[in-house]
Amino acid sequence: MKILFDTNVILDVMLLRPPFYKSAALLLAEVERKHIAGYLCPTSVTTIYYLAQKAKGKNFAFKQIENLLKIFKITKVDKFCLQSALLSGISDFEDAVLNESALQAGLDGIVTRDIKDFRSSQIKIYNPDELLQMLNF
């Protein structure tokens, strides 16, 4: 199963954010075990770095990104992706870019806590608990 991880799910683990940490950490462990093919959008990587650095410093952020790049594949964002995102009907542009990037990469779904932001998505959207349940956790 090829899943794009939304920024918020990664930050839940990285910044130990209750009550979301446990589910997100279990999903990341499944990526590490290669039970899920985990993907990140390039825009998420830069946002994760920025927010991690702001919360815990530059060294922390650098190490976290380094670790993410070891276990996640990165989707592409090009002009076509951005143009498609503008026309997608998803009102939040950042989420629209994630959605289009996942669609163009042929992924099976997106895991996010912000399901409402992806209402008009053409790809399956999971919240972390739902995806864990599907994986028999």
N, C-alpha and C. Protein backbone atom coordinates (compact mmCIF):
# COMPACT_ATOMS: atom_id res chain seq x y z
N MET A 1 0.84 -1.18 0.00
CA MET A 1 0.00 0.00 0.00
C MET A 1 0.89 1.24 0.00
N LYS A 2 0.66 2.13 -0.96
CA LYS A 2 1.46 3.35 -1.10
C LYS A 2 0.66 4.54 -0.57
N ILE A 3 1.17 5.15 0.50
CA ILE A 3 0.43 6.19 1.21
C ILE A 3 1.26 7.46 1.35
N LEU A 4 0.64 8.59 1.01
CA LEU A 4 1.25 9.89 1.25
C LEU A 4 0.89 10.34 2.66
N PHE A 5 1.88 10.73 3.42
CA PHE A 5 1.67 11.21 4.79
C PHE A 5 1.55 12.73 4.77
N ASP A 6 0.46 13.23 5.32
CA ASP A 6 0.28 14.67 5.44
C ASP A 6 1.24 15.21 6.50
N THR A 7 1.57 16.46 6.38
CA THR A 7 2.50 17.13 7.28
C THR A 7 2.12 16.94 8.74
N ASN A 8 0.83 17.06 9.05
CA ASN A 8 0.40 17.00 10.45
C ASN A 8 0.68 15.65 11.09
N VAL A 9 0.62 14.58 10.34
CA VAL A 9 0.87 13.24 10.90
C VAL A 9 2.35 13.09 11.27
N ILE A 10 3.23 13.59 10.43
CA ILE A 10 4.67 13.53 10.72
C ILE A 10 4.99 14.40 11.93
N LEU A 11 4.42 15.61 11.97
CA LEU A 11 4.68 16.51 13.10
C LEU A 11 4.14 15.96 14.41
N ASP A 12 3.04 15.19 14.35
CA ASP A 12 2.51 14.58 15.58
C ASP A 12 3.55 13.69 16.24
N VAL A 13 4.30 12.96 15.43
CA VAL A 13 5.35 12.09 15.96
C VAL A 13 6.56 12.91 16.37
N MET A 14 7.03 13.74 15.48
CA MET A 14 8.25 14.50 15.69
C MET A 14 8.19 15.39 16.93
N LEU A 15 7.02 16.01 17.14
CA LEU A 15 6.87 16.94 18.25
C LEU A 15 6.09 16.33 19.42
N LEU A 16 5.89 15.00 19.37
CA LEU A 16 5.23 14.26 20.45
C LEU A 16 3.89 14.90 20.85
N ARG A 17 3.04 15.17 19.88
CA ARG A 17 1.80 15.90 20.14
C ARG A 17 0.67 14.96 20.58
N PRO A 18 0.29 15.06 21.86
CA PRO A 18 -0.85 14.28 22.32
C PRO A 18 -2.14 14.93 21.81
N PRO A 19 -3.19 14.20 21.61
CA PRO A 19 -3.33 12.75 21.74
C PRO A 19 -3.03 12.00 20.44
N PHE A 20 -2.42 12.67 19.49
CA PHE A 20 -2.24 12.11 18.15
C PHE A 20 -0.97 11.29 17.98
N TYR A 21 -0.05 11.42 18.91
CA TYR A 21 1.28 10.81 18.78
C TYR A 21 1.22 9.30 18.54
N LYS A 22 0.46 8.58 19.36
CA LYS A 22 0.50 7.12 19.33
C LYS A 22 0.13 6.55 17.95
N SER A 23 -0.98 6.98 17.40
CA SER A 23 -1.41 6.47 16.09
C SER A 23 -0.41 6.82 15.01
N ALA A 24 0.06 8.05 15.02
CA ALA A 24 1.02 8.49 14.01
C ALA A 24 2.33 7.71 14.13
N ALA A 25 2.78 7.46 15.36
CA ALA A 25 4.03 6.72 15.57
C ALA A 25 3.90 5.28 15.09
N LEU A 26 2.75 4.66 15.32
CA LEU A 26 2.52 3.30 14.83
C LEU A 26 2.57 3.25 13.30
N LEU A 27 2.02 4.26 12.65
CA LEU A 27 2.06 4.30 11.18
C LEU A 27 3.48 4.49 10.67
N LEU A 28 4.25 5.36 11.31
CA LEU A 28 5.64 5.55 10.89
C LEU A 28 6.44 4.27 11.09
N ALA A 29 6.14 3.53 12.15
CA ALA A 29 6.82 2.25 12.37
C ALA A 29 6.51 1.28 11.24
N GLU A 30 5.29 1.32 10.72
CA GLU A 30 4.91 0.46 9.60
C GLU A 30 5.67 0.84 8.32
N VAL A 31 5.95 2.12 8.17
CA VAL A 31 6.77 2.57 7.03
C VAL A 31 8.20 2.05 7.21
N GLU A 32 8.72 2.18 8.42
CA GLU A 32 10.09 1.68 8.68
C GLU A 32 10.20 0.18 8.43
N ARG A 33 9.15 -0.56 8.77
CA ARG A 33 9.13 -2.02 8.55
C ARG A 33 8.82 -2.38 7.11
N LYS A 34 8.53 -1.37 6.30
CA LYS A 34 8.19 -1.55 4.89
C LYS A 34 6.85 -2.28 4.68
N HIS A 35 5.96 -2.20 5.68
CA HIS A 35 4.61 -2.72 5.53
C HIS A 35 3.73 -1.72 4.80
N ILE A 36 4.14 -0.45 4.83
CA ILE A 36 3.52 0.62 4.06
C ILE A 36 4.64 1.29 3.29
N ALA A 37 4.39 1.59 2.02
CA ALA A 37 5.33 2.42 1.27
C ALA A 37 4.95 3.87 1.57
N GLY A 38 5.76 4.52 2.36
CA GLY A 38 5.47 5.88 2.80
C GLY A 38 6.04 6.92 1.85
N TYR A 39 5.23 7.93 1.57
CA TYR A 39 5.62 9.02 0.69
C TYR A 39 5.39 10.35 1.38
N LEU A 40 6.23 11.31 1.04
CA LEU A 40 6.06 12.69 1.47
C LEU A 40 6.08 13.59 0.25
N CYS A 41 5.34 14.66 0.32
CA CYS A 41 5.36 15.68 -0.71
C CYS A 41 6.52 16.64 -0.39
N PRO A 42 7.25 17.13 -1.39
CA PRO A 42 8.35 18.06 -1.12
C PRO A 42 7.93 19.27 -0.29
N THR A 43 6.71 19.76 -0.50
CA THR A 43 6.26 20.91 0.28
C THR A 43 6.11 20.56 1.75
N SER A 44 5.76 19.32 2.05
CA SER A 44 5.68 18.89 3.44
C SER A 44 7.04 18.87 4.09
N VAL A 45 8.04 18.43 3.35
CA VAL A 45 9.39 18.34 3.91
C VAL A 45 9.88 19.71 4.36
N THR A 46 9.66 20.73 3.54
CA THR A 46 10.12 22.07 3.91
C THR A 46 9.31 22.62 5.09
N THR A 47 8.02 22.35 5.11
CA THR A 47 7.18 22.80 6.22
C THR A 47 7.57 22.09 7.52
N ILE A 48 7.81 20.80 7.44
CA ILE A 48 8.22 20.02 8.61
C ILE A 48 9.53 20.57 9.16
N TYR A 49 10.49 20.83 8.29
CA TYR A 49 11.77 21.39 8.73
C TYR A 49 11.54 22.73 9.44
N TYR A 50 10.78 23.60 8.82
CA TYR A 50 10.54 24.93 9.39
C TYR A 50 9.91 24.83 10.78
N LEU A 51 8.86 24.04 10.91
CA LEU A 51 8.15 23.94 12.20
C LEU A 51 8.97 23.20 13.25
N ALA A 52 9.72 22.19 12.85
CA ALA A 52 10.58 21.47 13.80
C ALA A 52 11.70 22.37 14.29
N GLN A 53 12.27 23.15 13.39
CA GLN A 53 13.35 24.07 13.77
C GLN A 53 12.83 25.14 14.72
N LYS A 54 11.65 25.64 14.43
CA LYS A 54 11.04 26.65 15.29
C LYS A 54 10.76 26.10 16.69
N ALA A 55 10.33 24.85 16.75
CA ALA A 55 9.97 24.23 18.03
C ALA A 55 11.17 23.72 18.82
N LYS A 56 12.16 23.14 18.11
CA LYS A 56 13.23 22.44 18.83
C LYS A 56 14.64 22.75 18.34
N GLY A 57 14.79 23.67 17.42
CA GLY A 57 16.13 24.07 16.98
C GLY A 57 16.56 23.45 15.66
N LYS A 58 17.58 24.07 15.08
CA LYS A 58 18.07 23.70 13.75
C LYS A 58 18.65 22.29 13.71
N ASN A 59 19.45 21.91 14.70
CA ASN A 59 20.06 20.56 14.70
C ASN A 59 19.00 19.48 14.77
N PHE A 60 18.01 19.68 15.63
CA PHE A 60 16.90 18.73 15.74
C PHE A 60 16.20 18.58 14.39
N ALA A 61 15.86 19.71 13.79
CA ALA A 61 15.14 19.69 12.52
C ALA A 61 15.95 18.99 11.43
N PHE A 62 17.23 19.29 11.37
CA PHE A 62 18.11 18.69 10.36
C PHE A 62 18.12 17.16 10.51
N LYS A 63 18.30 16.69 11.74
CA LYS A 63 18.36 15.24 11.99
C LYS A 63 17.03 14.57 11.66
N GLN A 64 15.94 15.24 11.98
CA GLN A 64 14.63 14.67 11.70
C GLN A 64 14.39 14.53 10.19
N ILE A 65 14.75 15.55 9.44
CA ILE A 65 14.59 15.49 7.98
C ILE A 65 15.50 14.41 7.40
N GLU A 66 16.70 14.35 7.91
CA GLU A 66 17.64 13.31 7.46
C GLU A 66 17.04 11.92 7.66
N ASN A 67 16.43 11.69 8.83
CA ASN A 67 15.79 10.40 9.12
C ASN A 67 14.58 10.14 8.23
N LEU A 68 13.77 11.16 8.01
CA LEU A 68 12.60 10.99 7.14
C LEU A 68 13.01 10.61 5.73
N LEU A 69 14.08 11.23 5.24
CA LEU A 69 14.53 10.95 3.87
C LEU A 69 15.08 9.54 3.72
N LYS A 70 15.44 8.91 4.83
CA LYS A 70 15.91 7.52 4.78
C LYS A 70 14.75 6.54 4.61
N ILE A 71 13.59 6.87 5.15
CA ILE A 71 12.49 5.89 5.13
C ILE A 71 11.34 6.23 4.19
N PHE A 72 11.23 7.48 3.78
CA PHE A 72 10.14 7.89 2.90
C PHE A 72 10.63 8.15 1.48
N LYS A 73 9.75 7.86 0.54
CA LYS A 73 9.98 8.28 -0.84
C LYS A 73 9.36 9.67 -0.99
N ILE A 74 9.83 10.42 -1.96
CA ILE A 74 9.35 11.78 -2.16
C ILE A 74 8.62 11.87 -3.50
N THR A 75 7.41 12.41 -3.46
CA THR A 75 6.65 12.61 -4.69
C THR A 75 7.20 13.83 -5.43
N LYS A 76 6.65 14.09 -6.59
CA LYS A 76 7.10 15.24 -7.38
C LYS A 76 6.05 16.34 -7.35
N VAL A 77 6.55 17.56 -7.39
CA VAL A 77 5.69 18.73 -7.56
C VAL A 77 6.29 19.53 -8.71
N ASP A 78 5.55 19.60 -9.80
CA ASP A 78 6.02 20.37 -10.95
C ASP A 78 4.90 21.33 -11.37
N LYS A 79 5.10 22.01 -12.48
CA LYS A 79 4.13 22.99 -12.95
C LYS A 79 2.75 22.37 -13.15
N PHE A 80 2.71 21.18 -13.75
CA PHE A 80 1.43 20.51 -13.99
C PHE A 80 0.72 20.21 -12.68
N CYS A 81 1.47 19.75 -11.70
CA CYS A 81 0.91 19.44 -10.38
C CYS A 81 0.30 20.70 -9.75
N LEU A 82 1.03 21.80 -9.82
CA LEU A 82 0.55 23.05 -9.23
C LEU A 82 -0.69 23.58 -9.97
N GLN A 83 -0.68 23.48 -11.29
CA GLN A 83 -1.85 23.91 -12.06
C GLN A 83 -3.06 23.04 -11.75
N SER A 84 -2.84 21.75 -11.65
CA SER A 84 -3.93 20.82 -11.30
C SER A 84 -4.46 21.11 -9.91
N ALA A 85 -3.58 21.45 -8.99
CA ALA A 85 -3.99 21.78 -7.62
C ALA A 85 -4.90 23.00 -7.61
N LEU A 86 -4.56 23.99 -8.42
CA LEU A 86 -5.40 25.20 -8.50
C LEU A 86 -6.81 24.88 -8.97
N LEU A 87 -6.94 23.88 -9.82
CA LEU A 87 -8.23 23.53 -10.41
C LEU A 87 -8.94 22.38 -9.70
N SER A 88 -8.36 21.89 -8.63
CA SER A 88 -8.83 20.65 -7.99
C SER A 88 -10.14 20.78 -7.22
N GLY A 89 -10.51 21.98 -6.83
CA GLY A 89 -11.69 22.14 -6.00
C GLY A 89 -11.39 22.02 -4.52
N ILE A 90 -10.15 21.74 -4.17
CA ILE A 90 -9.74 21.70 -2.76
C ILE A 90 -9.35 23.12 -2.37
N SER A 91 -10.02 23.67 -1.37
CA SER A 91 -9.86 25.10 -1.07
C SER A 91 -8.51 25.46 -0.45
N ASP A 92 -7.92 24.57 0.31
CA ASP A 92 -6.60 24.84 0.90
C ASP A 92 -5.54 24.44 -0.13
N PHE A 93 -4.78 25.41 -0.62
CA PHE A 93 -3.84 25.15 -1.71
C PHE A 93 -2.77 24.14 -1.32
N GLU A 94 -2.27 24.22 -0.10
CA GLU A 94 -1.24 23.26 0.34
C GLU A 94 -1.78 21.83 0.27
N ASP A 95 -3.01 21.64 0.75
CA ASP A 95 -3.63 20.31 0.68
C ASP A 95 -3.91 19.90 -0.76
N ALA A 96 -4.27 20.86 -1.59
CA ALA A 96 -4.52 20.57 -3.00
C ALA A 96 -3.24 20.09 -3.69
N VAL A 97 -2.11 20.69 -3.33
CA VAL A 97 -0.82 20.26 -3.90
C VAL A 97 -0.49 18.84 -3.43
N LEU A 98 -0.70 18.55 -2.14
CA LEU A 98 -0.47 17.20 -1.63
C LEU A 98 -1.33 16.19 -2.39
N ASN A 99 -2.59 16.53 -2.54
CA ASN A 99 -3.54 15.65 -3.22
C ASN A 99 -3.11 15.37 -4.66
N GLU A 100 -2.79 16.40 -5.40
CA GLU A 100 -2.38 16.23 -6.80
C GLU A 100 -1.07 15.47 -6.91
N SER A 101 -0.16 15.74 -6.00
CA SER A 101 1.12 15.04 -6.00
C SER A 101 0.91 13.54 -5.78
N ALA A 102 0.01 13.20 -4.86
CA ALA A 102 -0.31 11.79 -4.60
C ALA A 102 -0.99 11.14 -5.80
N LEU A 103 -1.93 11.85 -6.40
CA LEU A 103 -2.63 11.33 -7.58
C LEU A 103 -1.65 11.06 -8.72
N GLN A 104 -0.79 12.03 -8.98
CA GLN A 104 0.14 11.90 -10.10
C GLN A 104 1.19 10.82 -9.85
N ALA A 105 1.45 10.51 -8.58
CA ALA A 105 2.40 9.44 -8.26
C ALA A 105 1.73 8.07 -8.26
N GLY A 106 0.41 8.03 -8.43
CA GLY A 106 -0.32 6.77 -8.45
C GLY A 106 -0.42 6.11 -7.09
N LEU A 107 -0.49 6.92 -6.03
CA LEU A 107 -0.56 6.37 -4.68
C LEU A 107 -1.96 5.88 -4.36
N ASP A 108 -2.05 5.06 -3.31
CA ASP A 108 -3.32 4.47 -2.91
C ASP A 108 -4.14 5.37 -1.99
N GLY A 109 -3.49 6.32 -1.33
CA GLY A 109 -4.22 7.17 -0.42
C GLY A 109 -3.33 8.18 0.27
N ILE A 110 -3.99 9.00 1.09
CA ILE A 110 -3.33 10.01 1.91
C ILE A 110 -3.78 9.79 3.34
N VAL A 111 -2.85 9.86 4.28
CA VAL A 111 -3.21 9.79 5.70
C VAL A 111 -3.04 11.19 6.29
N THR A 112 -4.11 11.67 6.92
CA THR A 112 -4.15 13.03 7.46
C THR A 112 -5.14 13.10 8.61
N ARG A 113 -4.97 14.09 9.46
CA ARG A 113 -5.99 14.36 10.47
C ARG A 113 -7.02 15.36 9.95
N ASP A 114 -6.74 15.98 8.81
CA ASP A 114 -7.61 17.01 8.26
C ASP A 114 -8.45 16.48 7.09
N ILE A 115 -9.22 15.45 7.35
CA ILE A 115 -10.00 14.80 6.30
C ILE A 115 -10.95 15.79 5.61
N LYS A 116 -11.53 16.69 6.37
CA LYS A 116 -12.49 17.64 5.80
C LYS A 116 -11.87 18.50 4.70
N ASP A 117 -10.57 18.74 4.78
CA ASP A 117 -9.89 19.56 3.77
C ASP A 117 -9.75 18.85 2.43
N PHE A 118 -9.96 17.54 2.43
CA PHE A 118 -9.77 16.74 1.21
C PHE A 118 -11.10 16.20 0.67
N ARG A 119 -12.21 16.84 1.02
CA ARG A 119 -13.54 16.34 0.64
C ARG A 119 -13.70 16.05 -0.85
N SER A 120 -13.13 16.90 -1.68
CA SER A 120 -13.32 16.70 -3.13
C SER A 120 -12.17 15.92 -3.76
N SER A 121 -11.41 15.22 -2.95
CA SER A 121 -10.28 14.43 -3.45
C SER A 121 -10.77 13.23 -4.26
N GLN A 122 -9.97 12.85 -5.24
CA GLN A 122 -10.27 11.66 -6.04
C GLN A 122 -9.45 10.46 -5.57
N ILE A 123 -8.78 10.60 -4.46
CA ILE A 123 -7.95 9.54 -3.90
C ILE A 123 -8.49 9.23 -2.50
N LYS A 124 -8.30 8.03 -2.03
CA LYS A 124 -8.80 7.63 -0.71
C LYS A 124 -8.06 8.42 0.38
N ILE A 125 -8.83 8.97 1.31
CA ILE A 125 -8.27 9.74 2.42
C ILE A 125 -8.56 8.97 3.72
N TYR A 126 -7.51 8.78 4.51
CA TYR A 126 -7.62 8.06 5.78
C TYR A 126 -7.22 8.98 6.92
N ASN A 127 -7.88 8.81 8.07
CA ASN A 127 -7.30 9.40 9.27
C ASN A 127 -6.38 8.32 9.85
N PRO A 128 -5.43 8.68 10.71
CA PRO A 128 -4.47 7.68 11.20
C PRO A 128 -5.11 6.46 11.84
N ASP A 129 -6.13 6.66 12.66
CA ASP A 129 -6.77 5.51 13.32
C ASP A 129 -7.46 4.58 12.31
N GLU A 130 -8.08 5.17 11.32
CA GLU A 130 -8.75 4.38 10.28
C GLU A 130 -7.74 3.53 9.50
N LEU A 131 -6.60 4.12 9.16
CA LEU A 131 -5.58 3.37 8.43
C LEU A 131 -5.00 2.26 9.30
N LEU A 132 -4.78 2.54 10.57
CA LEU A 132 -4.29 1.49 11.48
C LEU A 132 -5.29 0.35 11.58
N GLN A 133 -6.57 0.69 11.67
CA GLN A 133 -7.61 -0.34 11.75
C GLN A 133 -7.61 -1.20 10.49
N MET A 134 -7.42 -0.56 9.35
CA MET A 134 -7.36 -1.30 8.10
C MET A 134 -6.16 -2.24 8.07
N LEU A 135 -5.09 -1.86 8.76
CA LEU A 135 -3.87 -2.68 8.84
C LEU A 135 -3.94 -3.69 9.99
N ASN A 136 -5.13 -3.81 10.61
CA ASN A 136 -5.38 -4.76 11.71
C ASN A 136 -4.66 -4.42 13.00
N PHE A 137 -4.63 -3.15 13.36
CA PHE A 137 -4.06 -2.75 14.66
C PHE A 137 -5.16 -2.54 15.66
